[in-house]
Amino acid sequence: MAHTLVITGANRGIGLALAQLYHQQGWKVIGVCRQSSAELNAIASQVISHIDLTSDADVAAMAQQLQGQTIDLLINNAGLLGDDVLGDIDFDSIRQQMEINAYAPLRVTQALLGNLKSGSKIGNITSRMGSIADNDSGGRYGYRASKAALNAFGKSLAQDLKPKGIAVAQLHPGWVKTRMVNFGGLITPEQSAQGLFQLLQQLTLANTGGFWHTNGEDLPW
């Protein structure tokens, strides 16, 4: 029987590259997104679209569509990058980044707890910009704070879910050539996805809760 992947933000960028890679590996791919794409529709077994991950009602509707399905791997990938400059900070932007980057993965994970079983895994797509120790350039207040919060949530999830046999990883995809960074990255979504795939393959209860770069490097908190 094929393994099942549920991935948010699956319609483009890193999410789509991961969805395509898992499809190539024979997985059943369920993509969750606000608006689907032709590329996602071509490979997904199921697309759950028009989902706003900041909405309790939408996340509940998503969970309803997944009722009774076992999830072997949940990848919380959807994200938002803002550029918050000291002296001109838009706090509504920071709140939105917190909602999408931090609260949404926790909200989705909680909603889908009943679909996870012993042996299931969760991959949270975070950023090394969420590392407090690694911050030597400042700025990006909302993005950094939201990814740091996601790292904290992910670490707690790893502790709480370990007794249930569920492993959790915080994964930095690298600087990827996606629309989020105006395609100015260093690696392609496909290259990032390959590294993330390998890390998730190596994720176990023995190393649950870690924070890794897509190249395998351990990242500082």
N, C-alpha and C. Protein backbone atom coordinates (compact mmCIF):
# COMPACT_ATOMS: atom_id res chain seq x y z
N MET A 1 0.84 -1.19 0.00
CA MET A 1 0.00 0.00 0.00
C MET A 1 0.88 1.25 0.00
N ALA A 2 0.50 2.23 -0.82
CA ALA A 2 1.29 3.45 -0.93
C ALA A 2 1.21 4.28 0.35
N HIS A 3 2.31 4.91 0.68
CA HIS A 3 2.32 5.86 1.78
C HIS A 3 1.58 7.13 1.36
N THR A 4 1.10 7.86 2.36
CA THR A 4 0.32 9.07 2.08
C THR A 4 1.03 10.30 2.65
N LEU A 5 1.20 11.30 1.79
CA LEU A 5 1.75 12.59 2.15
C LEU A 5 0.66 13.64 2.10
N VAL A 6 0.57 14.46 3.15
CA VAL A 6 -0.25 15.67 3.12
C VAL A 6 0.71 16.84 3.23
N ILE A 7 0.62 17.77 2.28
CA ILE A 7 1.52 18.91 2.27
C ILE A 7 0.76 20.20 2.01
N THR A 8 1.04 21.21 2.82
CA THR A 8 0.39 22.51 2.64
C THR A 8 1.26 23.37 1.71
N GLY A 9 0.62 24.35 1.07
CA GLY A 9 1.34 25.19 0.12
C GLY A 9 1.91 24.38 -1.02
N ALA A 10 1.11 23.43 -1.50
CA ALA A 10 1.61 22.43 -2.45
C ALA A 10 1.52 22.85 -3.91
N ASN A 11 0.96 24.01 -4.18
CA ASN A 11 0.66 24.36 -5.57
C ASN A 11 1.83 24.94 -6.35
N ARG A 12 2.91 25.35 -5.65
CA ARG A 12 4.04 25.95 -6.36
C ARG A 12 5.29 25.90 -5.48
N GLY A 13 6.42 26.30 -6.05
CA GLY A 13 7.66 26.42 -5.29
C GLY A 13 8.13 25.13 -4.65
N ILE A 14 8.64 25.25 -3.44
CA ILE A 14 9.17 24.09 -2.73
C ILE A 14 8.09 23.05 -2.48
N GLY A 15 6.88 23.51 -2.14
CA GLY A 15 5.79 22.58 -1.89
C GLY A 15 5.48 21.72 -3.09
N LEU A 16 5.42 22.33 -4.27
CA LEU A 16 5.15 21.58 -5.50
C LEU A 16 6.30 20.63 -5.81
N ALA A 17 7.53 21.09 -5.64
CA ALA A 17 8.68 20.22 -5.90
C ALA A 17 8.67 19.00 -4.99
N LEU A 18 8.32 19.20 -3.73
CA LEU A 18 8.21 18.06 -2.81
C LEU A 18 7.07 17.13 -3.21
N ALA A 19 5.94 17.71 -3.56
CA ALA A 19 4.80 16.90 -3.99
C ALA A 19 5.16 16.06 -5.21
N GLN A 20 5.84 16.66 -6.16
CA GLN A 20 6.23 15.93 -7.37
C GLN A 20 7.23 14.83 -7.06
N LEU A 21 8.17 15.11 -6.17
CA LEU A 21 9.17 14.11 -5.82
C LEU A 21 8.54 12.91 -5.10
N TYR A 22 7.66 13.18 -4.16
CA TYR A 22 7.01 12.07 -3.46
C TYR A 22 6.10 11.28 -4.40
N HIS A 23 5.46 11.97 -5.34
CA HIS A 23 4.66 11.28 -6.35
C HIS A 23 5.54 10.34 -7.17
N GLN A 24 6.72 10.82 -7.55
CA GLN A 24 7.65 9.98 -8.32
C GLN A 24 8.10 8.77 -7.52
N GLN A 25 8.12 8.91 -6.20
CA GLN A 25 8.52 7.81 -5.33
C GLN A 25 7.37 6.85 -5.04
N GLY A 26 6.22 7.10 -5.64
CA GLY A 26 5.08 6.19 -5.50
C GLY A 26 4.15 6.51 -4.36
N TRP A 27 4.32 7.68 -3.74
CA TRP A 27 3.45 8.08 -2.65
C TRP A 27 2.12 8.61 -3.17
N LYS A 28 1.10 8.48 -2.34
CA LYS A 28 -0.17 9.16 -2.57
C LYS A 28 -0.01 10.58 -2.02
N VAL A 29 -0.18 11.56 -2.88
CA VAL A 29 0.05 12.96 -2.51
C VAL A 29 -1.28 13.69 -2.37
N ILE A 30 -1.47 14.31 -1.22
CA ILE A 30 -2.64 15.15 -0.97
C ILE A 30 -2.14 16.57 -0.77
N GLY A 31 -2.49 17.46 -1.70
CA GLY A 31 -2.03 18.83 -1.64
C GLY A 31 -3.08 19.75 -1.05
N VAL A 32 -2.66 20.59 -0.12
CA VAL A 32 -3.54 21.58 0.49
C VAL A 32 -3.03 22.96 0.08
N CYS A 33 -3.94 23.82 -0.37
CA CYS A 33 -3.51 25.13 -0.86
C CYS A 33 -4.69 26.08 -0.92
N ARG A 34 -4.38 27.34 -1.13
CA ARG A 34 -5.43 28.34 -1.34
C ARG A 34 -5.98 28.23 -2.76
N GLN A 35 -5.08 28.08 -3.71
CA GLN A 35 -5.46 27.99 -5.12
C GLN A 35 -4.60 26.92 -5.77
N SER A 36 -5.22 25.94 -6.40
CA SER A 36 -4.45 24.86 -7.00
C SER A 36 -3.76 25.33 -8.27
N SER A 37 -2.95 24.44 -8.84
CA SER A 37 -2.25 24.73 -10.09
C SER A 37 -2.35 23.51 -10.99
N ALA A 38 -2.12 23.71 -12.27
CA ALA A 38 -2.17 22.60 -13.21
C ALA A 38 -1.12 21.55 -12.87
N GLU A 39 0.06 22.02 -12.40
CA GLU A 39 1.14 21.11 -12.06
C GLU A 39 0.76 20.23 -10.87
N LEU A 40 0.11 20.81 -9.88
CA LEU A 40 -0.33 20.02 -8.72
C LEU A 40 -1.44 19.07 -9.11
N ASN A 41 -2.39 19.55 -9.87
CA ASN A 41 -3.51 18.70 -10.29
C ASN A 41 -3.03 17.48 -11.07
N ALA A 42 -1.90 17.62 -11.76
CA ALA A 42 -1.40 16.53 -12.60
C ALA A 42 -0.84 15.37 -11.79
N ILE A 43 -0.44 15.61 -10.55
CA ILE A 43 0.23 14.54 -9.79
C ILE A 43 -0.47 14.18 -8.48
N ALA A 44 -1.33 15.03 -7.98
CA ALA A 44 -1.95 14.79 -6.67
C ALA A 44 -3.10 13.79 -6.77
N SER A 45 -3.19 12.93 -5.77
CA SER A 45 -4.34 12.03 -5.67
C SER A 45 -5.57 12.80 -5.20
N GLN A 46 -5.32 13.86 -4.43
CA GLN A 46 -6.40 14.69 -3.89
C GLN A 46 -5.85 16.10 -3.69
N VAL A 47 -6.63 17.09 -4.10
CA VAL A 47 -6.28 18.48 -3.86
C VAL A 47 -7.38 19.11 -3.01
N ILE A 48 -6.99 19.67 -1.89
CA ILE A 48 -7.93 20.38 -1.03
C ILE A 48 -7.61 21.86 -1.15
N SER A 49 -8.37 22.56 -1.95
CA SER A 49 -8.06 23.95 -2.26
C SER A 49 -9.01 24.90 -1.54
N HIS A 50 -8.76 26.18 -1.71
CA HIS A 50 -9.54 27.25 -1.08
C HIS A 50 -9.47 27.15 0.45
N ILE A 51 -8.30 26.73 0.94
CA ILE A 51 -8.10 26.60 2.38
C ILE A 51 -7.21 27.74 2.87
N ASP A 52 -7.76 28.54 3.76
CA ASP A 52 -6.99 29.58 4.45
C ASP A 52 -6.52 28.99 5.77
N LEU A 53 -5.22 28.74 5.89
CA LEU A 53 -4.68 28.05 7.06
C LEU A 53 -4.72 28.89 8.32
N THR A 54 -5.08 30.17 8.21
CA THR A 54 -5.25 31.00 9.40
C THR A 54 -6.68 30.93 9.93
N SER A 55 -7.53 30.19 9.24
CA SER A 55 -8.94 30.09 9.62
C SER A 55 -9.23 28.76 10.29
N ASP A 56 -9.74 28.81 11.51
CA ASP A 56 -10.13 27.57 12.20
C ASP A 56 -11.17 26.80 11.40
N ALA A 57 -12.12 27.52 10.81
CA ALA A 57 -13.18 26.87 10.06
C ALA A 57 -12.63 26.16 8.81
N ASP A 58 -11.70 26.82 8.10
CA ASP A 58 -11.13 26.20 6.91
C ASP A 58 -10.28 24.99 7.26
N VAL A 59 -9.51 25.09 8.33
CA VAL A 59 -8.68 23.95 8.74
C VAL A 59 -9.57 22.79 9.20
N ALA A 60 -10.67 23.10 9.86
CA ALA A 60 -11.62 22.05 10.25
C ALA A 60 -12.23 21.40 9.01
N ALA A 61 -12.52 22.20 7.99
CA ALA A 61 -13.07 21.65 6.74
C ALA A 61 -12.05 20.76 6.05
N MET A 62 -10.78 21.16 6.08
CA MET A 62 -9.71 20.34 5.53
C MET A 62 -9.64 19.00 6.26
N ALA A 63 -9.67 19.06 7.59
CA ALA A 63 -9.61 17.84 8.39
C ALA A 63 -10.79 16.92 8.10
N GLN A 64 -11.94 17.51 7.86
CA GLN A 64 -13.14 16.73 7.54
C GLN A 64 -12.93 15.96 6.24
N GLN A 65 -12.30 16.60 5.25
CA GLN A 65 -12.04 15.92 3.97
C GLN A 65 -11.01 14.81 4.10
N LEU A 66 -10.21 14.86 5.15
CA LEU A 66 -9.19 13.84 5.37
C LEU A 66 -9.60 12.79 6.40
N GLN A 67 -10.81 12.89 6.88
CA GLN A 67 -11.28 11.98 7.93
C GLN A 67 -11.15 10.53 7.49
N GLY A 68 -10.56 9.73 8.36
CA GLY A 68 -10.42 8.31 8.08
C GLY A 68 -9.19 7.93 7.29
N GLN A 69 -8.42 8.92 6.82
CA GLN A 69 -7.22 8.63 6.05
C GLN A 69 -5.99 8.71 6.95
N THR A 70 -5.16 7.69 6.90
CA THR A 70 -3.92 7.70 7.66
C THR A 70 -2.88 8.54 6.93
N ILE A 71 -2.22 9.43 7.66
CA ILE A 71 -1.18 10.29 7.09
C ILE A 71 0.17 9.77 7.57
N ASP A 72 0.99 9.33 6.62
CA ASP A 72 2.33 8.84 6.96
C ASP A 72 3.32 10.00 7.13
N LEU A 73 3.10 11.06 6.37
CA LEU A 73 3.98 12.22 6.44
C LEU A 73 3.16 13.49 6.25
N LEU A 74 3.27 14.41 7.20
CA LEU A 74 2.65 15.72 7.11
C LEU A 74 3.76 16.74 6.96
N ILE A 75 3.73 17.51 5.88
CA ILE A 75 4.71 18.58 5.68
C ILE A 75 4.00 19.91 5.75
N ASN A 76 4.32 20.67 6.78
CA ASN A 76 3.78 22.03 6.94
C ASN A 76 4.71 22.98 6.20
N ASN A 77 4.33 23.32 4.98
CA ASN A 77 5.22 24.05 4.08
C ASN A 77 4.78 25.48 3.79
N ALA A 78 3.49 25.77 3.85
CA ALA A 78 3.00 27.09 3.46
C ALA A 78 3.68 28.17 4.30
N GLY A 79 4.08 29.26 3.66
CA GLY A 79 4.77 30.32 4.38
C GLY A 79 4.61 31.68 3.73
N LEU A 80 5.03 32.70 4.47
CA LEU A 80 4.94 34.09 4.00
C LEU A 80 6.18 34.83 4.47
N LEU A 81 6.80 35.58 3.55
CA LEU A 81 7.99 36.37 3.85
C LEU A 81 7.68 37.85 3.71
N GLY A 82 7.90 38.59 4.80
CA GLY A 82 7.75 40.04 4.77
C GLY A 82 9.08 40.70 5.04
N ASP A 83 9.18 41.97 4.67
CA ASP A 83 10.42 42.72 4.89
C ASP A 83 10.12 43.86 5.85
N ASP A 84 10.36 43.63 7.13
CA ASP A 84 10.02 44.60 8.17
C ASP A 84 11.27 45.38 8.55
N VAL A 85 11.25 46.67 8.30
CA VAL A 85 12.42 47.53 8.53
C VAL A 85 12.19 48.37 9.77
N LEU A 86 13.16 48.36 10.67
CA LEU A 86 13.05 49.13 11.90
C LEU A 86 12.83 50.61 11.58
N GLY A 87 11.84 51.19 12.25
CA GLY A 87 11.46 52.57 11.99
C GLY A 87 10.23 52.68 11.11
N ASP A 88 9.92 51.59 10.40
CA ASP A 88 8.75 51.57 9.53
C ASP A 88 8.10 50.19 9.56
N ILE A 89 7.96 49.66 10.77
CA ILE A 89 7.43 48.30 10.91
C ILE A 89 5.91 48.30 10.81
N ASP A 90 5.41 47.40 9.97
CA ASP A 90 3.97 47.19 9.82
C ASP A 90 3.60 46.01 10.72
N PHE A 91 2.99 46.30 11.85
CA PHE A 91 2.70 45.24 12.81
C PHE A 91 1.60 44.30 12.33
N ASP A 92 0.75 44.78 11.43
CA ASP A 92 -0.23 43.87 10.83
C ASP A 92 0.48 42.83 9.97
N SER A 93 1.55 43.23 9.30
CA SER A 93 2.34 42.29 8.51
C SER A 93 2.99 41.25 9.41
N ILE A 94 3.51 41.71 10.55
CA ILE A 94 4.13 40.76 11.49
C ILE A 94 3.09 39.77 12.01
N ARG A 95 1.90 40.28 12.34
CA ARG A 95 0.84 39.38 12.81
C ARG A 95 0.48 38.35 11.75
N GLN A 96 0.41 38.79 10.48
CA GLN A 96 0.07 37.86 9.40
C GLN A 96 1.14 36.79 9.23
N GLN A 97 2.40 37.20 9.33
CA GLN A 97 3.49 36.21 9.22
C GLN A 97 3.45 35.23 10.38
N MET A 98 3.14 35.71 11.58
CA MET A 98 3.00 34.80 12.71
C MET A 98 1.87 33.81 12.48
N GLU A 99 0.75 34.30 11.96
CA GLU A 99 -0.41 33.43 11.71
C GLU A 99 -0.07 32.33 10.71
N ILE A 100 0.59 32.71 9.62
CA ILE A 100 0.84 31.76 8.54
C ILE A 100 2.05 30.87 8.82
N ASN A 101 3.13 31.48 9.29
CA ASN A 101 4.38 30.73 9.45
C ASN A 101 4.45 29.92 10.73
N ALA A 102 3.79 30.37 11.79
CA ALA A 102 3.90 29.70 13.09
C ALA A 102 2.61 29.04 13.53
N TYR A 103 1.54 29.85 13.61
CA TYR A 103 0.29 29.30 14.15
C TYR A 103 -0.34 28.27 13.21
N ALA A 104 -0.28 28.51 11.90
CA ALA A 104 -0.93 27.59 10.95
C ALA A 104 -0.36 26.18 11.02
N PRO A 105 0.96 25.98 11.05
CA PRO A 105 1.46 24.61 11.18
C PRO A 105 0.99 23.92 12.45
N LEU A 106 0.93 24.68 13.55
CA LEU A 106 0.45 24.09 14.80
C LEU A 106 -1.03 23.78 14.71
N ARG A 107 -1.79 24.67 14.10
CA ARG A 107 -3.23 24.47 13.93
C ARG A 107 -3.51 23.25 13.06
N VAL A 108 -2.78 23.12 11.96
CA VAL A 108 -2.96 21.99 11.05
C VAL A 108 -2.58 20.68 11.75
N THR A 109 -1.44 20.69 12.43
CA THR A 109 -0.99 19.47 13.11
C THR A 109 -2.01 19.01 14.15
N GLN A 110 -2.50 19.94 14.94
CA GLN A 110 -3.49 19.58 15.95
C GLN A 110 -4.76 19.03 15.32
N ALA A 111 -5.19 19.64 14.21
CA ALA A 111 -6.41 19.20 13.53
C ALA A 111 -6.28 17.79 12.96
N LEU A 112 -5.04 17.40 12.63
CA LEU A 112 -4.83 16.11 11.97
C LEU A 112 -4.22 15.04 12.87
N LEU A 113 -4.21 15.30 14.18
CA LEU A 113 -3.64 14.32 15.11
C LEU A 113 -4.28 12.95 14.97
N GLY A 114 -5.57 12.94 14.72
CA GLY A 114 -6.28 11.67 14.59
C GLY A 114 -5.89 10.88 13.36
N ASN A 115 -5.25 11.54 12.38
CA ASN A 115 -4.83 10.87 11.15
C ASN A 115 -3.42 10.31 11.26
N LEU A 116 -2.67 10.75 12.28
CA LEU A 116 -1.29 10.31 12.44
C LEU A 116 -1.24 9.05 13.31
N LYS A 117 -0.29 8.19 13.03
CA LYS A 117 -0.15 6.94 13.77
C LYS A 117 1.31 6.75 14.14
N SER A 118 1.58 5.72 14.94
CA SER A 118 2.96 5.39 15.26
C SER A 118 3.71 5.12 13.96
N GLY A 119 4.83 5.81 13.77
CA GLY A 119 5.58 5.69 12.54
C GLY A 119 5.38 6.86 11.60
N SER A 120 4.34 7.66 11.84
CA SER A 120 4.13 8.85 11.03
C SER A 120 5.20 9.89 11.35
N LYS A 121 5.40 10.83 10.42
CA LYS A 121 6.39 11.88 10.59
C LYS A 121 5.79 13.23 10.24
N ILE A 122 6.38 14.28 10.83
CA ILE A 122 5.97 15.66 10.53
C ILE A 122 7.23 16.45 10.18
N GLY A 123 7.18 17.12 9.04
CA GLY A 123 8.26 18.02 8.64
C GLY A 123 7.76 19.45 8.59
N ASN A 124 8.32 20.30 9.43
CA ASN A 124 7.97 21.72 9.42
C ASN A 124 9.01 22.48 8.61
N ILE A 125 8.59 23.10 7.51
CA ILE A 125 9.52 23.87 6.69
C ILE A 125 9.70 25.23 7.34
N THR A 126 10.83 25.39 7.99
CA THR A 126 11.14 26.60 8.73
C THR A 126 12.22 27.37 7.98
N SER A 127 13.10 28.05 8.68
CA SER A 127 14.18 28.81 8.07
C SER A 127 15.30 29.01 9.07
N ARG A 128 16.53 29.05 8.57
CA ARG A 128 17.63 29.37 9.48
C ARG A 128 17.51 30.81 9.98
N MET A 129 16.65 31.61 9.33
CA MET A 129 16.39 32.96 9.82
C MET A 129 15.61 32.92 11.14
N GLY A 130 15.09 31.76 11.48
CA GLY A 130 14.45 31.58 12.77
C GLY A 130 15.43 31.25 13.87
N SER A 131 16.70 31.11 13.50
CA SER A 131 17.74 30.85 14.49
C SER A 131 18.16 32.15 15.15
N ILE A 132 18.05 32.23 16.47
CA ILE A 132 18.48 33.42 17.21
C ILE A 132 20.00 33.49 17.23
N ALA A 133 20.66 32.36 17.40
CA ALA A 133 22.12 32.33 17.45
C ALA A 133 22.74 32.72 16.12
N ASP A 134 22.05 32.47 15.01
CA ASP A 134 22.59 32.68 13.67
C ASP A 134 22.30 34.08 13.12
N ASN A 135 21.57 34.88 13.88
CA ASN A 135 21.16 36.21 13.39
C ASN A 135 22.30 37.22 13.53
N ASP A 136 22.98 37.50 12.42
CA ASP A 136 24.06 38.49 12.46
C ASP A 136 23.80 39.65 11.50
N SER A 137 22.54 39.76 11.03
CA SER A 137 22.24 40.83 10.07
C SER A 137 20.99 41.62 10.43
N GLY A 138 20.22 41.17 11.44
CA GLY A 138 19.04 41.92 11.87
C GLY A 138 17.93 41.91 10.83
N GLY A 139 16.97 42.83 11.01
CA GLY A 139 15.87 42.96 10.05
C GLY A 139 14.92 41.78 10.02
N ARG A 140 14.01 41.83 9.04
CA ARG A 140 13.04 40.75 8.83
C ARG A 140 12.39 40.33 10.14
N TYR A 141 11.90 41.29 10.89
CA TYR A 141 11.40 41.04 12.25
C TYR A 141 10.28 39.99 12.29
N GLY A 142 9.31 40.15 11.43
CA GLY A 142 8.18 39.23 11.44
C GLY A 142 8.56 37.83 10.99
N TYR A 143 9.38 37.74 9.95
CA TYR A 143 9.77 36.43 9.43
C TYR A 143 10.64 35.70 10.45
N ARG A 144 11.64 36.40 10.98
CA ARG A 144 12.52 35.76 11.96
C ARG A 144 11.72 35.28 13.18
N ALA A 145 10.87 36.17 13.70
CA ALA A 145 10.12 35.83 14.91
C ALA A 145 9.16 34.67 14.66
N SER A 146 8.51 34.68 13.50
CA SER A 146 7.53 33.63 13.21
C SER A 146 8.21 32.28 13.01
N LYS A 147 9.38 32.28 12.39
CA LYS A 147 10.08 31.01 12.20
C LYS A 147 10.71 30.53 13.51
N ALA A 148 11.13 31.47 14.37
CA ALA A 148 11.62 31.07 15.70
C ALA A 148 10.48 30.45 16.50
N ALA A 149 9.29 31.03 16.38
CA ALA A 149 8.12 30.47 17.06
C ALA A 149 7.79 29.09 16.51
N LEU A 150 7.88 28.92 15.20
CA LEU A 150 7.63 27.61 14.60
C LEU A 150 8.63 26.59 15.12
N ASN A 151 9.89 27.00 15.24
CA ASN A 151 10.90 26.08 15.79
C ASN A 151 10.54 25.66 17.21
N ALA A 152 10.08 26.63 18.01
CA ALA A 152 9.69 26.30 19.39
C ALA A 152 8.48 25.37 19.40
N PHE A 153 7.51 25.64 18.54
CA PHE A 153 6.34 24.76 18.45
C PHE A 153 6.76 23.36 18.02
N GLY A 154 7.64 23.30 17.02
CA GLY A 154 8.08 22.00 16.51
C GLY A 154 8.82 21.19 17.55
N LYS A 155 9.63 21.87 18.35
CA LYS A 155 10.37 21.16 19.41
C LYS A 155 9.40 20.59 20.45
N SER A 156 8.38 21.37 20.81
CA SER A 156 7.38 20.87 21.75
C SER A 156 6.58 19.72 21.15
N LEU A 157 6.23 19.84 19.87
CA LEU A 157 5.51 18.75 19.21
C LEU A 157 6.34 17.47 19.23
N ALA A 158 7.65 17.61 19.01
CA ALA A 158 8.52 16.43 19.03
C ALA A 158 8.47 15.74 20.38
N GLN A 159 8.49 16.54 21.45
CA GLN A 159 8.44 15.96 22.80
C GLN A 159 7.09 15.32 23.09
N ASP A 160 6.02 16.01 22.71
CA ASP A 160 4.68 15.52 23.02
C ASP A 160 4.28 14.31 22.18
N LEU A 161 4.81 14.23 20.96
CA LEU A 161 4.39 13.16 20.05
C LEU A 161 5.33 11.95 20.06
N LYS A 162 6.49 12.10 20.68
CA LYS A 162 7.43 10.97 20.73
C LYS A 162 6.81 9.74 21.39
N PRO A 163 6.09 9.88 22.51
CA PRO A 163 5.47 8.69 23.11
C PRO A 163 4.45 8.01 22.19
N LYS A 164 3.93 8.76 21.22
CA LYS A 164 2.97 8.19 20.27
C LYS A 164 3.66 7.59 19.05
N GLY A 165 4.99 7.67 19.02
CA GLY A 165 5.74 7.09 17.91
C GLY A 165 5.82 7.99 16.69
N ILE A 166 5.59 9.30 16.88
CA ILE A 166 5.58 10.25 15.76
C ILE A 166 6.78 11.18 15.87
N ALA A 167 7.61 11.23 14.83
CA ALA A 167 8.83 12.04 14.82
C ALA A 167 8.57 13.36 14.10
N VAL A 168 9.28 14.42 14.55
CA VAL A 168 9.08 15.77 14.03
C VAL A 168 10.43 16.40 13.70
N ALA A 169 10.51 17.08 12.56
CA ALA A 169 11.73 17.78 12.17
C ALA A 169 11.43 19.21 11.77
N GLN A 170 12.38 20.10 12.11
CA GLN A 170 12.36 21.48 11.62
C GLN A 170 13.39 21.57 10.50
N LEU A 171 12.95 21.95 9.31
CA LEU A 171 13.80 21.84 8.13
C LEU A 171 13.94 23.18 7.41
N HIS A 172 15.19 23.61 7.23
CA HIS A 172 15.49 24.81 6.45
C HIS A 172 15.73 24.38 5.01
N PRO A 173 14.95 24.90 4.06
CA PRO A 173 15.07 24.42 2.68
C PRO A 173 16.24 24.99 1.90
N GLY A 174 16.98 25.94 2.49
CA GLY A 174 18.02 26.64 1.74
C GLY A 174 17.46 27.92 1.14
N TRP A 175 18.32 28.65 0.45
CA TRP A 175 17.87 29.85 -0.27
C TRP A 175 17.45 29.40 -1.66
N VAL A 176 16.16 29.27 -1.83
CA VAL A 176 15.62 28.58 -3.00
C VAL A 176 15.04 29.58 -4.00
N LYS A 177 15.23 29.30 -5.27
CA LYS A 177 14.76 30.17 -6.35
C LYS A 177 13.24 30.03 -6.51
N THR A 178 12.51 30.76 -5.68
CA THR A 178 11.05 30.75 -5.73
C THR A 178 10.52 32.16 -5.82
N ARG A 179 9.23 32.26 -6.05
CA ARG A 179 8.58 33.56 -6.14
C ARG A 179 8.72 34.35 -4.84
N MET A 180 8.79 33.65 -3.70
CA MET A 180 8.89 34.31 -2.40
C MET A 180 10.11 35.23 -2.32
N VAL A 181 11.21 34.83 -2.99
CA VAL A 181 12.44 35.65 -2.97
C VAL A 181 12.74 36.20 -4.36
N ASN A 182 11.69 36.36 -5.16
CA ASN A 182 11.83 36.90 -6.52
C ASN A 182 12.83 36.09 -7.34
N PHE A 183 12.85 34.78 -7.09
CA PHE A 183 13.68 33.82 -7.84
C PHE A 183 15.17 34.15 -7.75
N GLY A 184 15.58 34.76 -6.62
CA GLY A 184 16.97 35.15 -6.47
C GLY A 184 17.78 34.20 -5.62
N GLY A 185 17.35 32.97 -5.44
CA GLY A 185 18.04 32.03 -4.56
C GLY A 185 19.26 31.40 -5.17
N LEU A 186 19.83 30.44 -4.44
CA LEU A 186 21.05 29.75 -4.88
C LEU A 186 20.78 28.36 -5.43
N ILE A 187 19.67 27.74 -5.02
CA ILE A 187 19.35 26.39 -5.48
C ILE A 187 17.93 26.34 -6.01
N THR A 188 17.64 25.34 -6.81
CA THR A 188 16.30 25.19 -7.38
C THR A 188 15.38 24.51 -6.37
N PRO A 189 14.06 24.65 -6.55
CA PRO A 189 13.14 23.91 -5.69
C PRO A 189 13.38 22.41 -5.73
N GLU A 190 13.75 21.90 -6.89
CA GLU A 190 13.99 20.46 -7.02
C GLU A 190 15.21 20.03 -6.21
N GLN A 191 16.27 20.85 -6.21
CA GLN A 191 17.45 20.53 -5.41
C GLN A 191 17.13 20.58 -3.92
N SER A 192 16.37 21.58 -3.53
CA SER A 192 15.95 21.68 -2.13
C SER A 192 15.12 20.47 -1.73
N ALA A 193 14.18 20.10 -2.58
CA ALA A 193 13.29 18.98 -2.27
C ALA A 193 14.07 17.68 -2.10
N GLN A 194 15.10 17.48 -2.90
CA GLN A 194 15.91 16.27 -2.77
C GLN A 194 16.56 16.18 -1.41
N GLY A 195 17.12 17.31 -0.94
CA GLY A 195 17.74 17.32 0.37
C GLY A 195 16.73 17.11 1.49
N LEU A 196 15.59 17.77 1.38
CA LEU A 196 14.55 17.63 2.40
C LEU A 196 14.03 16.20 2.44
N PHE A 197 13.89 15.59 1.27
CA PHE A 197 13.44 14.20 1.19
C PHE A 197 14.39 13.28 1.94
N GLN A 198 15.68 13.47 1.73
CA GLN A 198 16.68 12.62 2.40
C GLN A 198 16.63 12.80 3.91
N LEU A 199 16.48 14.05 4.36
CA LEU A 199 16.40 14.30 5.80
C LEU A 199 15.17 13.65 6.41
N LEU A 200 14.06 13.70 5.72
CA LEU A 200 12.83 13.09 6.23
C LEU A 200 12.94 11.57 6.22
N GLN A 201 13.66 11.03 5.25
CA GLN A 201 13.90 9.59 5.24
C GLN A 201 14.70 9.16 6.46
N GLN A 202 15.63 10.03 6.90
CA GLN A 202 16.51 9.72 8.02
C GLN A 202 15.90 10.09 9.37
N LEU A 203 14.76 10.74 9.37
CA LEU A 203 14.12 11.15 10.62
C LEU A 203 13.57 9.94 11.37
N THR A 204 13.94 9.84 12.65
CA THR A 204 13.47 8.76 13.50
C THR A 204 13.13 9.33 14.87
N LEU A 205 12.63 8.48 15.74
CA LEU A 205 12.38 8.91 17.12
C LEU A 205 13.68 9.20 17.85
N ALA A 206 14.79 8.66 17.36
CA ALA A 206 16.08 8.90 18.01
C ALA A 206 16.59 10.33 17.77
N ASN A 207 16.23 10.92 16.61
CA ASN A 207 16.70 12.27 16.32
C ASN A 207 15.56 13.28 16.19
N THR A 208 14.37 12.89 16.64
CA THR A 208 13.22 13.78 16.55
C THR A 208 13.48 15.11 17.26
N GLY A 209 12.92 16.17 16.70
CA GLY A 209 13.07 17.49 17.30
C GLY A 209 14.23 18.29 16.78
N GLY A 210 15.00 17.74 15.84
CA GLY A 210 16.16 18.44 15.32
C GLY A 210 15.81 19.58 14.37
N PHE A 211 16.82 20.42 14.09
CA PHE A 211 16.69 21.59 13.23
C PHE A 211 17.83 21.50 12.22
N TRP A 212 17.47 21.20 10.96
CA TRP A 212 18.49 20.89 9.96
C TRP A 212 18.35 21.75 8.70
N HIS A 213 19.50 22.02 8.10
CA HIS A 213 19.59 22.61 6.76
C HIS A 213 19.32 21.50 5.75
N THR A 214 18.81 21.84 4.59
CA THR A 214 18.56 20.84 3.56
C THR A 214 19.82 20.08 3.16
N ASN A 215 21.00 20.67 3.40
CA ASN A 215 22.26 19.98 3.07
C ASN A 215 22.70 19.02 4.17
N GLY A 216 21.88 18.90 5.22
CA GLY A 216 22.17 17.97 6.31
C GLY A 216 22.83 18.59 7.51
N GLU A 217 23.21 19.86 7.42
CA GLU A 217 23.87 20.55 8.53
C GLU A 217 22.92 20.76 9.70
N ASP A 218 23.41 20.49 10.91
CA ASP A 218 22.67 20.83 12.12
C ASP A 218 22.70 22.34 12.28
N LEU A 219 21.56 22.95 12.53
CA LEU A 219 21.48 24.39 12.68
C LEU A 219 21.32 24.78 14.15
N PRO A 220 21.90 25.91 14.54
CA PRO A 220 21.78 26.36 15.94
C PRO A 220 20.41 26.99 16.19
N TRP A 221 19.95 26.87 17.39
CA TRP A 221 18.67 27.45 17.77
C TRP A 221 18.80 28.96 17.98
